[in-house]
Amino acid sequence: MLQAAWATAALLPCLAFAQVAEPVDLDVVAKIRHEAFQRSQVAANLKELTETIGPRLTNSPAYERSSEWARGKLSGYGLSNVHDEVYDPAFGRGWEFRASRVELIAPRELPIHALPKAWTPGTNGPVEGELVRASFKTIEDIEAQRGKLGGKIVLLDEARAYKPSDRPDFRRHSEESLGELQTFPMPQEAEPGAQDKRLDEYRKRQALVRALNTFFAEEGVLATLSISSWDNGIVRVMGGGGRKAGDPEGVPDLVVAAEHYNQLVRAVDTKQAPRLRVDVDARFTSDADLPATNTFAELRGSSKANETVIIGAHLDSWHTGTGAADNGAGVVVMMEAMRILKAIDARPKRTIRIALWGGEEQGLHGSAGYVSRHLADWPAPTDPEQQALPRAFQSGTGPLQRRAGFDRFSTYFNFDNGTGRIRGIYAQENHAAVPVFRAWLAPFADLGATVVTTRNTGSTDHISFDRVGLPGFQFVQDPADYFSNVHHTHLDTYDHVVPDDLKQAAAIIASFAYHAAMRDERLPRKPFTDREE
C-alpha cells in the first residue's frame, strides 16, 4: 500500500482529469513497476534468444528452437494454453547459412565484406572467377547477356557515391520531435491509378527476379553481388533465391558493403581484370515446403474470459545478425509483460494472450494468418496476381467475413521498433481511444512516456488487425540506432539493445494489457465500412 499511496500522491495532478474518464488502478501499476524494475528478466532472456539460439529466419532450424525456447519460458511462468499454431501449411523451405568468405585475389588481395541473401544456394566449396558487370532492369535485358556470363562473378548494381550522415547514429526523441508527432499531417490525395501502378511494378520485379534466377543458373554464373543499401561498412541483407519448393533458386547471391562494392566496380571499369574467390556455406534444410507457426500463451481471464486482449511481437528475424533489435527486443518485452502480470497475481477480467508471430519479415504472414482464421478477413481473391501477394497486402473483395472471435476481441498491442524506449502510442486515427491511452500513460510520465498521437504507423503486425477494423496499435519509441545501424543488418546484435529501455517498455505494456482487460467495455473501435475494395 505504501507504493500505491506514493504513486497516487505523485501522479494525482496529472491523473485528476484522466481518472474521471478512465479508471487507472495505481495499486496494480505500482506492483507492475516494482516487478519490472527490481526483478527484470529481459536482459537474460534476450541473451539466450539471440546469443544461444541466434538469428531466426522463418522455418529455419533456429526458428524452431526459438519457438521451443519461448514455449518453455512461458510455461515456466505459469501461463496456460501454451502452444504453437500453424498459420501456413506450406510457407516455404527451411534454410540456414554458417559462413561466407569473399576475397579479391587479383590484381591484389583484399578481403571483401559480403553476406548471402536468405534462401539462396551456397557454393559447395570455394569458387574463383573473373568479376564482370551486367545490368538487368527488365526481362528484355537478359537476352543481351546470354552466352556471356558463364563462369563469371557478376556485379549487378552501379557504384554509389558515399554520403556522410548529418545525424547522430543513436537518437532519443526531443521535445520538438515529440511535439511534431502530436500534429496530424493531412493525407495527400493519391494520384489516379497509383495503387495499380505500384502493384504492377511489384509484379514486374518479382517476374524479373524469377527470370534472373533461372538465367544465372542456366548460364553457369558462379555468384552475383549487389551493393548494400547503407554505407559505413554496414551490410543490409534480406531474402532472395527461392523460398518455395519449385521456385528457381538462382546462384549464390551476396550483398557487399558499399565501400568494398565501389572498389570492385572501379576495378572492372578501369580494366584491372579483377578476380574473386567466393565460399558460401549455406543450405536448404528441407526439399519440401514446411508448415509455419505462431506461438501463444495466456493469462486466463475471469468474468470476461472469452474476450481477449492480445500483446505481440514477431519471433522471426533475418539471418546475418542475431535479430536482437528486430525483433528479439519485442519478443522478450512481451514475454516479460506476461511474466510480470503472473508474478503480481493479476486477475484480469478478459484473457490476456501473448502472440509471437512468424513470417513477419516476409509480409506479416503470421499475424495475417491468425486474424484471417480467428477474427475476420475478406474472401480470398481469385485473381492469380492478387494471390501472389502476401495476404496482408491483398485487396479486399468484400464484404468482410467475421469469424467467431471478432466480437470477443478487445485490442492488440505490438512492439517492433528496436530497443527504443516507449514515448507514447500511435492511436491509428482511433479518436475514441485517445483519452483512454492518455489515462493509461499518465503513471509513466516520469519515465518519458507521454505522447498519444492520432497518427497512423505501419509496416508491422498491428496492421493485420487494423486492416479489418479491429483496434491494433504500435507504440511510439525512441529512434535509437534502429534505422541507422541495425534494421536488417549484420549489426542487429545484443550490443545494440539498451536493457533499461526494455524494462520500461515491459512495465508500460503490462499495464496497458491489464487495464484493457479490466475495462467494463472493449476498447473503442474506430468507424469502419465493410466495403468492397
Protein backbone atom coordinates (compact mmCIF):
# COMPACT_ATOMS: atom_id res chain seq x y z
CA MET A 1 0.00 0.00 0.00
CA LEU A 2 2.96 2.35 0.57
CA GLN A 3 3.94 2.04 -3.11
CA ALA A 4 0.36 2.54 -4.23
CA ALA A 5 -0.04 5.56 -1.98
CA TRP A 6 3.23 7.05 -3.29
CA ALA A 7 2.10 6.52 -6.86
CA THR A 8 -1.26 8.11 -6.17
CA ALA A 9 0.23 11.14 -4.45
CA ALA A 10 2.94 11.71 -7.04
CA LEU A 11 0.63 11.35 -10.00
CA LEU A 12 -2.59 12.87 -8.66
CA PRO A 13 -2.27 16.20 -10.53
CA CYS A 14 -1.81 14.60 -13.97
CA LEU A 15 -4.37 11.87 -13.28
CA ALA A 16 -7.13 14.02 -11.84
CA PHE A 17 -8.88 14.55 -15.15
CA ALA A 18 -7.94 11.20 -16.70
CA GLN A 19 -9.39 9.21 -13.83
CA VAL A 20 -12.78 10.80 -14.31
CA ALA A 21 -12.98 9.38 -17.81
CA GLU A 22 -10.92 6.20 -17.44
CA PRO A 23 -10.15 4.32 -14.20
CA VAL A 24 -6.49 3.55 -13.55
CA ASP A 25 -5.58 1.07 -10.80
CA LEU A 26 -2.50 2.66 -9.29
CA ASP A 27 -2.00 -0.19 -6.84
CA VAL A 28 -1.55 -2.58 -9.76
CA VAL A 29 0.61 -0.05 -11.60
CA ALA A 30 2.91 0.21 -8.59
CA LYS A 31 3.21 -3.58 -8.39
CA ILE A 32 3.95 -3.79 -12.11
CA ARG A 33 6.65 -1.13 -11.89
CA HIS A 34 8.31 -2.77 -8.91
CA GLU A 35 8.37 -6.21 -10.53
CA ALA A 36 9.58 -4.80 -13.86
CA PHE A 37 12.40 -2.72 -12.40
CA GLN A 38 13.55 -4.89 -9.49
CA ARG A 39 13.29 -8.42 -10.89
CA SER A 40 13.57 -7.98 -14.65
CA GLN A 41 14.44 -10.93 -16.87
CA VAL A 42 14.58 -9.08 -20.20
CA ALA A 43 18.39 -8.90 -20.49
CA ALA A 44 18.94 -12.55 -19.58
CA ASN A 45 16.19 -13.69 -21.93
CA LEU A 46 17.49 -11.57 -24.79
CA LYS A 47 20.98 -13.02 -24.41
CA GLU A 48 19.58 -16.54 -24.52
CA LEU A 49 17.39 -15.84 -27.52
CA THR A 50 19.99 -14.02 -29.59
CA GLU A 51 23.35 -15.42 -28.50
CA THR A 52 22.44 -19.01 -27.68
CA ILE A 53 19.78 -19.56 -30.36
CA GLY A 54 20.82 -16.78 -32.74
CA PRO A 55 19.04 -15.46 -35.85
CA ARG A 56 15.60 -16.93 -36.56
CA LEU A 57 14.73 -16.97 -40.24
CA THR A 58 11.19 -18.28 -40.65
CA ASN A 59 11.17 -22.09 -40.95
CA SER A 60 14.87 -22.38 -40.25
CA PRO A 61 16.06 -24.87 -37.61
CA ALA A 62 16.90 -21.90 -35.35
CA TYR A 63 13.33 -20.60 -35.62
CA GLU A 64 12.06 -23.97 -34.43
CA ARG A 65 14.49 -23.86 -31.50
CA SER A 66 13.37 -20.33 -30.60
CA SER A 67 9.72 -21.37 -30.57
CA GLU A 68 10.52 -24.31 -28.30
CA TRP A 69 12.54 -21.99 -26.04
CA ALA A 70 9.68 -19.47 -25.83
CA ARG A 71 7.13 -22.16 -25.01
CA GLY A 72 9.37 -23.43 -22.22
CA LYS A 73 9.76 -19.97 -20.72
CA LEU A 74 6.06 -19.14 -20.93
CA SER A 75 5.10 -22.46 -19.37
CA GLY A 76 7.62 -21.81 -16.62
CA TYR A 77 5.91 -18.52 -15.84
CA GLY A 78 2.73 -20.46 -15.10
CA LEU A 79 0.79 -19.31 -18.16
CA SER A 80 -1.86 -21.52 -19.71
CA ASN A 81 -2.67 -22.78 -23.19
CA VAL A 82 0.96 -22.58 -24.31
CA HIS A 83 1.08 -23.88 -27.87
CA ASP A 84 2.10 -23.39 -31.48
CA GLU A 85 -0.46 -22.94 -34.23
CA VAL A 86 0.09 -23.31 -37.97
CA TYR A 87 -0.73 -20.20 -39.99
CA ASP A 88 0.51 -21.52 -43.33
CA PRO A 89 0.73 -25.25 -44.10
CA ALA A 90 3.28 -24.67 -46.88
CA PHE A 91 5.12 -21.42 -46.13
CA GLY A 92 8.41 -22.46 -47.69
CA ARG A 93 11.59 -24.42 -47.23
CA GLY A 94 13.97 -24.29 -44.32
CA TRP A 95 17.33 -22.56 -44.92
CA GLU A 96 20.40 -21.63 -42.94
CA PHE A 97 23.93 -20.41 -43.50
CA ARG A 98 27.07 -20.88 -41.44
CA ALA A 99 29.74 -18.74 -43.10
CA SER A 100 30.67 -16.71 -46.15
CA ARG A 101 34.08 -15.65 -47.38
CA VAL A 102 34.73 -13.37 -50.35
CA GLU A 103 38.25 -12.34 -51.39
CA LEU A 104 39.69 -10.23 -54.16
CA ILE A 105 42.63 -12.32 -55.42
CA ALA A 106 43.73 -10.24 -58.43
CA PRO A 107 45.13 -7.75 -59.23
CA ARG A 108 45.76 -7.63 -55.47
CA GLU A 109 44.48 -9.38 -52.39
CA LEU A 110 41.70 -7.94 -50.24
CA PRO A 111 39.01 -9.46 -48.01
CA ILE A 112 35.57 -8.31 -49.19
CA HIS A 113 32.79 -7.89 -46.65
CA ALA A 114 29.77 -9.71 -48.08
CA LEU A 115 26.90 -11.85 -46.78
CA PRO A 116 24.41 -14.08 -48.63
CA LYS A 117 20.72 -13.38 -49.14
CA ALA A 118 18.33 -15.81 -47.47
CA TRP A 119 17.09 -18.79 -49.48
CA THR A 120 20.00 -18.64 -51.94
CA PRO A 121 22.30 -21.61 -52.58
CA GLY A 122 25.83 -22.00 -51.28
CA THR A 123 28.91 -22.53 -53.43
CA ASN A 124 29.70 -26.09 -52.24
CA GLY A 125 33.28 -25.04 -51.57
CA PRO A 126 35.32 -22.11 -52.86
CA VAL A 127 34.89 -20.96 -56.45
CA GLU A 128 37.05 -18.48 -58.38
CA GLY A 129 36.18 -16.37 -61.36
CA GLU A 130 36.56 -13.13 -63.26
CA LEU A 131 34.49 -10.22 -62.00
CA VAL A 132 32.25 -8.53 -64.56
CA ARG A 133 29.39 -6.03 -64.59
CA ALA A 134 25.91 -6.55 -66.04
CA SER A 135 22.70 -4.54 -65.74
CA PHE A 136 19.24 -6.10 -65.70
CA LYS A 137 16.46 -3.53 -65.49
CA THR A 138 13.90 -5.57 -67.42
CA ILE A 139 13.45 -9.14 -68.60
CA GLU A 140 14.45 -7.97 -72.09
CA ASP A 141 17.97 -7.20 -70.79
CA ILE A 142 18.55 -10.91 -70.19
CA GLU A 143 18.87 -11.74 -73.89
CA ALA A 144 21.64 -9.16 -74.37
CA GLN A 145 23.77 -11.04 -71.82
CA ARG A 146 23.01 -14.59 -72.87
CA GLY A 147 26.16 -16.61 -73.50
CA LYS A 148 28.48 -14.02 -71.93
CA LEU A 149 28.45 -14.72 -68.17
CA GLY A 150 29.29 -18.41 -67.75
CA GLY A 151 31.98 -18.96 -65.12
CA LYS A 152 31.87 -15.29 -64.11
CA ILE A 153 31.06 -13.47 -60.86
CA VAL A 154 28.62 -10.67 -61.71
CA LEU A 155 28.22 -7.20 -60.21
CA LEU A 156 24.54 -6.27 -60.56
CA ASP A 157 24.47 -2.66 -59.30
CA GLU A 158 26.14 0.63 -60.12
CA ALA A 159 28.60 2.18 -57.69
CA ARG A 160 27.06 4.68 -55.26
CA ALA A 161 28.69 7.89 -54.05
CA TYR A 162 29.33 7.94 -50.30
CA LYS A 163 27.11 10.40 -48.43
CA PRO A 164 28.23 11.30 -44.89
CA SER A 165 25.41 11.29 -42.35
CA ASP A 166 24.32 14.63 -40.92
CA ARG A 167 22.56 12.99 -37.95
CA PRO A 168 23.88 11.05 -34.95
CA ASP A 169 23.77 7.26 -35.16
CA PHE A 170 21.80 6.97 -31.90
CA ARG A 171 18.97 9.36 -31.10
CA ARG A 172 16.35 9.91 -28.43
CA HIS A 173 13.19 11.82 -29.20
CA SER A 174 13.44 15.52 -28.38
CA GLU A 175 10.63 17.72 -27.15
CA GLU A 176 10.47 19.11 -30.66
CA SER A 177 10.15 15.72 -32.37
CA LEU A 178 7.56 14.54 -29.83
CA GLY A 179 5.62 17.74 -30.37
CA GLU A 180 5.66 17.14 -34.10
CA LEU A 181 4.17 13.69 -33.55
CA GLN A 182 1.17 15.26 -31.88
CA THR A 183 0.17 17.04 -35.06
CA PHE A 184 -1.75 15.16 -37.73
CA PRO A 185 -0.44 15.54 -41.30
CA MET A 186 -3.21 15.97 -43.84
CA PRO A 187 -3.32 12.91 -46.11
CA GLN A 188 -2.18 13.57 -49.65
CA GLU A 189 -4.66 12.66 -52.35
CA ALA A 190 -3.35 9.66 -54.24
CA GLU A 191 -2.78 10.02 -57.95
CA PRO A 192 -5.34 8.13 -60.04
CA GLY A 193 -4.14 4.59 -60.59
CA ALA A 194 -1.22 4.91 -58.14
CA GLN A 195 -2.06 1.67 -56.34
CA ASP A 196 -2.37 -0.23 -59.59
CA LYS A 197 0.95 1.21 -60.72
CA ARG A 198 2.70 0.08 -57.53
CA LEU A 199 1.27 -3.42 -57.85
CA ASP A 200 2.30 -3.59 -61.49
CA GLU A 201 5.85 -2.56 -60.58
CA TYR A 202 5.91 -5.16 -57.80
CA ARG A 203 4.80 -7.91 -60.18
CA LYS A 204 7.40 -6.90 -62.75
CA ARG A 205 10.14 -7.00 -60.11
CA GLN A 206 9.05 -10.44 -58.96
CA ALA A 207 8.92 -11.73 -62.53
CA LEU A 208 12.39 -10.31 -63.22
CA VAL A 209 13.82 -11.97 -60.11
CA ARG A 210 12.43 -15.36 -61.13
CA ALA A 211 13.70 -14.98 -64.69
CA LEU A 212 17.17 -13.93 -63.50
CA ASN A 213 17.40 -16.84 -61.07
CA THR A 214 16.69 -19.22 -63.92
CA PHE A 215 19.03 -17.42 -66.32
CA PHE A 216 22.01 -17.26 -63.96
CA ALA A 217 21.76 -20.96 -63.14
CA GLU A 218 21.43 -21.94 -66.81
CA GLU A 219 24.37 -19.74 -67.80
CA GLY A 220 26.65 -21.16 -65.11
CA VAL A 221 27.21 -17.85 -63.30
CA LEU A 222 29.35 -18.55 -60.22
CA ALA A 223 27.81 -15.85 -58.00
CA THR A 224 26.14 -12.44 -58.11
CA LEU A 225 26.94 -9.41 -55.94
CA SER A 226 24.78 -6.40 -55.03
CA ILE A 227 25.59 -3.22 -53.12
CA SER A 228 24.38 -2.75 -49.53
CA SER A 229 21.73 -0.04 -49.28
CA TRP A 230 23.58 1.52 -46.30
CA ASP A 231 27.09 2.97 -46.07
CA ASN A 232 29.83 2.81 -43.43
CA GLY A 233 30.52 -0.90 -43.85
CA ILE A 234 27.00 -1.93 -42.84
CA VAL A 235 25.78 -4.96 -44.78
CA ARG A 236 21.99 -4.85 -45.06
CA VAL A 237 20.63 -8.19 -46.24
CA MET A 238 17.21 -9.75 -46.70
CA GLY A 239 15.90 -12.52 -48.94
CA GLY A 240 16.40 -13.78 -52.48
CA GLY A 241 16.62 -17.12 -54.23
CA GLY A 242 13.70 -19.49 -53.97
CA ARG A 243 11.83 -19.81 -50.68
CA LYS A 244 9.10 -22.00 -52.11
CA ALA A 245 9.79 -25.53 -53.33
CA GLY A 246 9.86 -25.40 -57.11
CA ASP A 247 10.89 -21.74 -57.30
CA PRO A 248 14.16 -21.15 -59.19
CA GLU A 249 16.95 -20.90 -56.62
CA GLY A 250 19.39 -18.97 -58.74
CA VAL A 251 23.08 -18.92 -57.83
CA PRO A 252 24.95 -17.77 -54.71
CA ASP A 253 23.75 -14.18 -54.26
CA LEU A 254 25.51 -11.84 -51.83
CA VAL A 255 25.25 -8.25 -50.61
CA VAL A 256 28.55 -6.37 -50.34
CA ALA A 257 29.48 -3.46 -48.06
CA ALA A 258 29.11 -0.32 -50.18
CA GLU A 259 32.69 0.87 -49.78
CA HIS A 260 34.03 -2.52 -50.91
CA TYR A 261 31.49 -2.81 -53.72
CA ASN A 262 32.51 0.56 -55.13
CA GLN A 263 36.14 -0.58 -55.28
CA LEU A 264 35.13 -3.65 -57.26
CA VAL A 265 33.16 -1.56 -59.76
CA ARG A 266 36.13 0.75 -60.28
CA ALA A 267 38.45 -2.22 -60.76
CA VAL A 268 36.21 -3.57 -63.53
CA ASP A 269 35.73 -0.16 -65.14
CA THR A 270 39.49 0.51 -65.26
CA LYS A 271 40.07 -2.92 -66.82
CA GLN A 272 42.19 -4.31 -64.00
CA ALA A 273 40.76 -7.80 -64.71
CA PRO A 274 39.74 -8.40 -61.09
CA ARG A 275 39.20 -11.98 -59.91
CA LEU A 276 37.34 -13.11 -56.80
CA ARG A 277 37.22 -16.20 -54.67
CA VAL A 278 33.78 -16.88 -53.11
CA ASP A 279 32.98 -19.52 -50.50
CA VAL A 280 29.44 -19.57 -49.08
CA ASP A 281 28.35 -22.29 -46.65
CA ALA A 282 24.56 -22.14 -47.00
CA ARG A 283 21.97 -24.84 -47.46
CA PHE A 284 18.29 -25.61 -47.70
CA THR A 285 17.28 -27.76 -44.74
CA SER A 286 14.20 -29.22 -46.45
CA ASP A 287 13.25 -30.12 -50.00
CA ALA A 288 9.53 -29.53 -49.49
CA ASP A 289 7.62 -26.53 -48.16
CA LEU A 290 7.15 -26.73 -44.40
CA PRO A 291 4.26 -25.51 -42.25
CA ALA A 292 4.94 -22.23 -40.44
CA THR A 293 3.74 -21.47 -36.92
CA ASN A 294 2.99 -18.77 -34.36
CA THR A 295 3.47 -19.29 -30.62
CA PHE A 296 0.81 -18.42 -28.00
CA ALA A 297 0.22 -18.43 -24.25
CA GLU A 298 -2.47 -16.97 -21.99
CA LEU A 299 -3.23 -15.44 -18.65
CA ARG A 300 -6.79 -16.65 -18.33
CA GLY A 301 -9.46 -14.09 -17.53
CA SER A 302 -12.36 -14.37 -15.11
CA SER A 303 -15.78 -12.80 -15.72
CA LYS A 304 -15.00 -11.98 -19.38
CA ALA A 305 -12.63 -14.87 -20.06
CA ASN A 306 -13.99 -15.48 -23.56
CA GLU A 307 -12.90 -11.96 -24.60
CA THR A 308 -9.25 -11.34 -25.49
CA VAL A 309 -6.57 -8.71 -25.22
CA ILE A 310 -3.52 -9.67 -27.26
CA ILE A 311 0.05 -8.42 -26.98
CA GLY A 312 2.54 -9.49 -29.60
CA ALA A 313 5.86 -9.27 -31.38
CA HIS A 314 7.42 -11.19 -34.24
CA LEU A 315 9.75 -14.02 -33.35
CA ASP A 316 11.32 -14.38 -36.79
CA SER A 317 14.32 -12.34 -37.92
CA TRP A 318 16.70 -12.06 -40.81
CA HIS A 319 19.82 -14.16 -40.70
CA THR A 320 23.04 -12.12 -40.69
CA GLY A 321 22.83 -10.52 -37.24
CA THR A 322 21.17 -12.18 -34.27
CA GLY A 323 17.79 -10.46 -34.54
CA ALA A 324 18.23 -8.65 -31.23
CA ALA A 325 16.57 -5.33 -32.09
CA ASP A 326 14.37 -6.73 -34.86
CA ASN A 327 12.63 -8.22 -33.05
CA GLY A 328 14.19 -10.10 -30.16
CA ALA A 329 13.64 -6.94 -28.12
CA GLY A 330 9.89 -7.08 -28.76
CA VAL A 331 9.72 -10.80 -28.01
CA VAL A 332 11.38 -10.53 -24.59
CA VAL A 333 9.40 -7.37 -23.72
CA MET A 334 6.09 -9.14 -24.38
CA MET A 335 7.21 -12.27 -22.54
CA GLU A 336 8.30 -10.09 -19.63
CA ALA A 337 4.94 -8.29 -19.57
CA MET A 338 3.21 -11.65 -19.22
CA ARG A 339 5.68 -12.78 -16.54
CA ILE A 340 5.08 -9.57 -14.57
CA LEU A 341 1.30 -9.97 -14.62
CA LYS A 342 1.56 -13.55 -13.46
CA ALA A 343 4.15 -12.69 -10.80
CA ILE A 344 1.97 -9.98 -9.23
CA ASP A 345 -1.02 -12.33 -9.30
CA ALA A 346 -3.02 -10.10 -11.62
CA ARG A 347 -6.62 -11.25 -12.03
CA PRO A 348 -7.85 -9.71 -15.32
CA LYS A 349 -11.47 -9.96 -16.38
CA ARG A 350 -10.52 -10.69 -20.00
CA THR A 351 -8.00 -13.26 -21.13
CA ILE A 352 -4.62 -11.71 -21.98
CA ARG A 353 -2.87 -13.60 -24.78
CA ILE A 354 0.70 -13.28 -25.96
CA ALA A 355 1.37 -13.93 -29.64
CA LEU A 356 4.86 -14.46 -31.04
CA TRP A 357 4.46 -14.20 -34.80
CA GLY A 358 6.33 -15.93 -37.58
CA GLY A 359 6.83 -14.72 -41.13
CA GLU A 360 6.60 -11.01 -40.34
CA GLU A 361 9.69 -10.18 -42.35
CA GLN A 362 8.21 -11.74 -45.49
CA GLY A 363 4.95 -9.77 -45.28
CA LEU A 364 3.14 -10.07 -41.91
CA HIS A 365 2.25 -13.68 -42.71
CA GLY A 366 1.88 -14.96 -39.13
CA SER A 367 -0.37 -12.21 -37.78
CA ALA A 368 -2.38 -12.01 -41.02
CA GLY A 369 -2.95 -15.76 -40.91
CA TYR A 370 -4.13 -15.59 -37.31
CA VAL A 371 -6.52 -12.70 -37.97
CA SER A 372 -7.91 -14.40 -41.06
CA ARG A 373 -8.53 -17.67 -39.21
CA HIS A 374 -9.89 -16.36 -35.90
CA LEU A 375 -11.16 -12.79 -36.35
CA ALA A 376 -12.05 -11.56 -39.83
CA ASP A 377 -10.99 -11.35 -43.44
CA TRP A 378 -12.26 -10.59 -46.89
CA PRO A 379 -12.87 -13.53 -49.18
CA ALA A 380 -9.62 -14.76 -50.70
CA PRO A 381 -9.03 -13.23 -54.13
CA THR A 382 -9.40 -15.41 -57.20
CA ASP A 383 -7.10 -13.24 -59.33
CA PRO A 384 -3.75 -15.12 -59.60
CA GLU A 385 -1.83 -11.85 -59.47
CA GLN A 386 -3.53 -10.92 -56.20
CA GLN A 387 -2.96 -14.42 -54.84
CA ALA A 388 0.77 -13.97 -55.39
CA LEU A 389 0.84 -11.05 -52.92
CA PRO A 390 1.29 -11.57 -49.15
CA ARG A 391 -2.18 -11.95 -47.59
CA ALA A 392 -1.94 -8.70 -45.61
CA PHE A 393 -1.29 -6.78 -48.83
CA GLN A 394 -4.06 -8.25 -50.98
CA SER A 395 -7.04 -6.10 -51.95
CA GLY A 396 -10.24 -7.00 -50.16
CA THR A 397 -13.08 -8.44 -52.22
CA GLY A 398 -15.81 -7.68 -49.66
CA PRO A 399 -17.95 -7.99 -47.74
CA LEU A 400 -15.80 -8.60 -44.67
CA GLN A 401 -16.30 -12.08 -43.23
CA ARG A 402 -16.35 -12.01 -39.43
CA ARG A 403 -15.16 -15.06 -37.53
CA ALA A 404 -16.35 -16.22 -34.12
CA GLY A 405 -13.70 -14.21 -32.29
CA PHE A 406 -14.44 -10.85 -33.91
CA ASP A 407 -16.96 -9.63 -31.34
CA ARG A 408 -14.97 -11.11 -28.45
CA PHE A 409 -11.77 -9.29 -29.39
CA SER A 410 -10.82 -6.16 -27.46
CA THR A 411 -7.43 -4.89 -28.66
CA TYR A 412 -3.91 -5.74 -29.84
CA PHE A 413 -0.66 -4.06 -28.76
CA ASN A 414 2.56 -4.52 -30.75
CA PHE A 415 6.24 -3.81 -30.07
CA ASP A 416 8.59 -3.79 -33.06
CA ASN A 417 10.91 -0.81 -33.47
CA GLY A 418 14.08 -2.00 -31.79
CA THR A 419 15.41 -1.07 -28.40
CA GLY A 420 13.87 2.41 -28.31
CA ARG A 421 12.18 3.42 -25.07
CA ILE A 422 8.42 3.89 -25.29
CA ARG A 423 7.46 7.57 -25.54
CA GLY A 424 3.77 7.05 -26.24
CA ILE A 425 1.45 5.28 -28.65
CA TYR A 426 0.06 5.70 -32.16
CA ALA A 427 -3.75 5.79 -31.98
CA GLN A 428 -4.20 4.87 -35.68
CA GLU A 429 -6.86 7.59 -36.03
CA ASN A 430 -8.94 5.89 -33.33
CA HIS A 431 -10.00 9.13 -31.65
CA ALA A 432 -12.19 7.43 -29.06
CA ALA A 433 -9.13 5.59 -27.76
CA VAL A 434 -7.07 8.76 -27.26
CA PRO A 435 -8.39 9.74 -23.78
CA VAL A 436 -8.16 6.11 -22.68
CA PHE A 437 -4.49 5.92 -23.67
CA ARG A 438 -3.73 9.26 -22.04
CA ALA A 439 -5.06 7.96 -18.75
CA TRP A 440 -3.10 4.72 -19.02
CA LEU A 441 0.14 6.58 -19.86
CA ALA A 442 -0.13 9.08 -17.01
CA PRO A 443 1.51 6.80 -14.39
CA PHE A 444 4.55 6.51 -16.68
CA ALA A 445 5.12 10.19 -17.40
CA ASP A 446 8.16 10.12 -15.10
CA LEU A 447 9.65 7.50 -17.46
CA GLY A 448 9.22 9.71 -20.52
CA ALA A 449 6.05 8.12 -21.92
CA THR A 450 3.55 10.92 -22.52
CA VAL A 451 2.52 11.11 -26.17
CA VAL A 452 -0.74 9.91 -27.69
CA THR A 453 -0.67 10.72 -31.38
CA THR A 454 -3.63 10.22 -33.69
CA ARG A 455 -1.20 9.37 -36.49
CA ASN A 456 -1.01 6.01 -38.21
CA THR A 457 2.13 3.93 -38.37
CA GLY A 458 2.59 0.83 -40.44
CA SER A 459 4.90 -1.95 -41.56
CA THR A 460 4.39 -4.33 -38.66
CA ASP A 461 1.91 -6.79 -37.19
CA HIS A 462 -0.71 -4.40 -35.78
CA ILE A 463 -1.67 -3.68 -39.40
CA SER A 464 -3.15 -7.18 -39.72
CA PHE A 465 -5.75 -6.18 -37.10
CA ASP A 466 -6.24 -2.59 -38.23
CA ARG A 467 -6.98 -3.58 -41.83
CA VAL A 468 -10.13 -5.46 -40.74
CA GLY A 469 -11.37 -2.69 -38.45
CA LEU A 470 -10.06 -4.07 -35.17
CA PRO A 471 -8.06 -1.98 -32.68
CA GLY A 472 -4.37 -2.68 -33.26
CA PHE A 473 -1.60 -0.39 -32.02
CA GLN A 474 2.15 0.14 -32.13
CA PHE A 475 3.99 2.21 -29.54
CA VAL A 476 5.98 5.39 -30.22
CA GLN A 477 9.62 4.55 -29.48
CA ASP A 478 12.88 6.45 -29.43
CA PRO A 479 14.62 6.00 -32.80
CA ALA A 480 17.85 4.78 -31.12
CA ASP A 481 20.04 3.39 -33.94
CA TYR A 482 17.31 1.25 -35.48
CA PHE A 483 17.34 2.90 -38.90
CA SER A 484 20.98 3.95 -38.85
CA ASN A 485 22.78 0.73 -37.89
CA VAL A 486 20.70 -2.35 -37.15
CA HIS A 487 17.50 -2.75 -39.19
CA HIS A 488 18.01 -5.91 -41.32
CA THR A 489 21.79 -5.68 -40.96
CA HIS A 490 24.63 -7.79 -39.60
CA LEU A 491 24.87 -5.33 -36.70
CA ASP A 492 21.49 -6.34 -35.28
CA THR A 493 23.02 -7.83 -32.13
CA TYR A 494 22.63 -7.72 -28.36
CA ASP A 495 25.12 -4.84 -28.00
CA HIS A 496 22.71 -2.53 -29.85
CA VAL A 497 19.94 -3.02 -27.27
CA VAL A 498 19.52 -0.98 -24.07
CA PRO A 499 18.12 -3.27 -21.33
CA ASP A 500 16.71 -0.37 -19.29
CA ASP A 501 14.60 0.62 -22.31
CA LEU A 502 13.12 -2.87 -22.42
CA LYS A 503 12.33 -2.80 -18.69
CA GLN A 504 10.39 0.41 -19.16
CA ALA A 505 8.55 -0.98 -22.18
CA ALA A 506 7.59 -4.20 -20.37
CA ALA A 507 6.11 -2.23 -17.47
CA ILE A 508 4.04 0.01 -19.75
CA ILE A 509 2.77 -2.85 -21.89
CA ALA A 510 1.89 -4.98 -18.86
CA SER A 511 -0.13 -2.05 -17.51
CA PHE A 512 -1.85 -1.38 -20.85
CA ALA A 513 -2.76 -5.07 -21.24
CA TYR A 514 -4.09 -5.24 -17.68
CA HIS A 515 -6.23 -2.12 -17.97
CA ALA A 516 -7.58 -3.17 -21.37
CA ALA A 517 -8.53 -6.49 -19.82
CA MET A 518 -10.28 -4.80 -16.87
CA ARG A 519 -12.45 -2.25 -18.72
CA ASP A 520 -16.21 -2.66 -18.50
CA GLU A 521 -16.34 -2.34 -22.29
CA ARG A 522 -13.99 -3.41 -25.01
CA LEU A 523 -11.61 -0.77 -26.28
CA PRO A 524 -13.43 1.56 -28.68
CA ARG A 525 -13.28 0.73 -32.37
CA LYS A 526 -12.89 3.42 -34.99
CA PRO A 527 -15.53 3.79 -37.72
CA PHE A 528 -15.13 1.09 -40.33
CA THR A 529 -17.05 0.29 -43.51
CA ASP A 530 -17.29 -3.27 -44.84
CA ARG A 531 -16.95 -2.05 -48.38
CA GLU A 532 -15.61 -3.89 -51.34
CA GLU A 533 -12.13 -2.60 -52.10
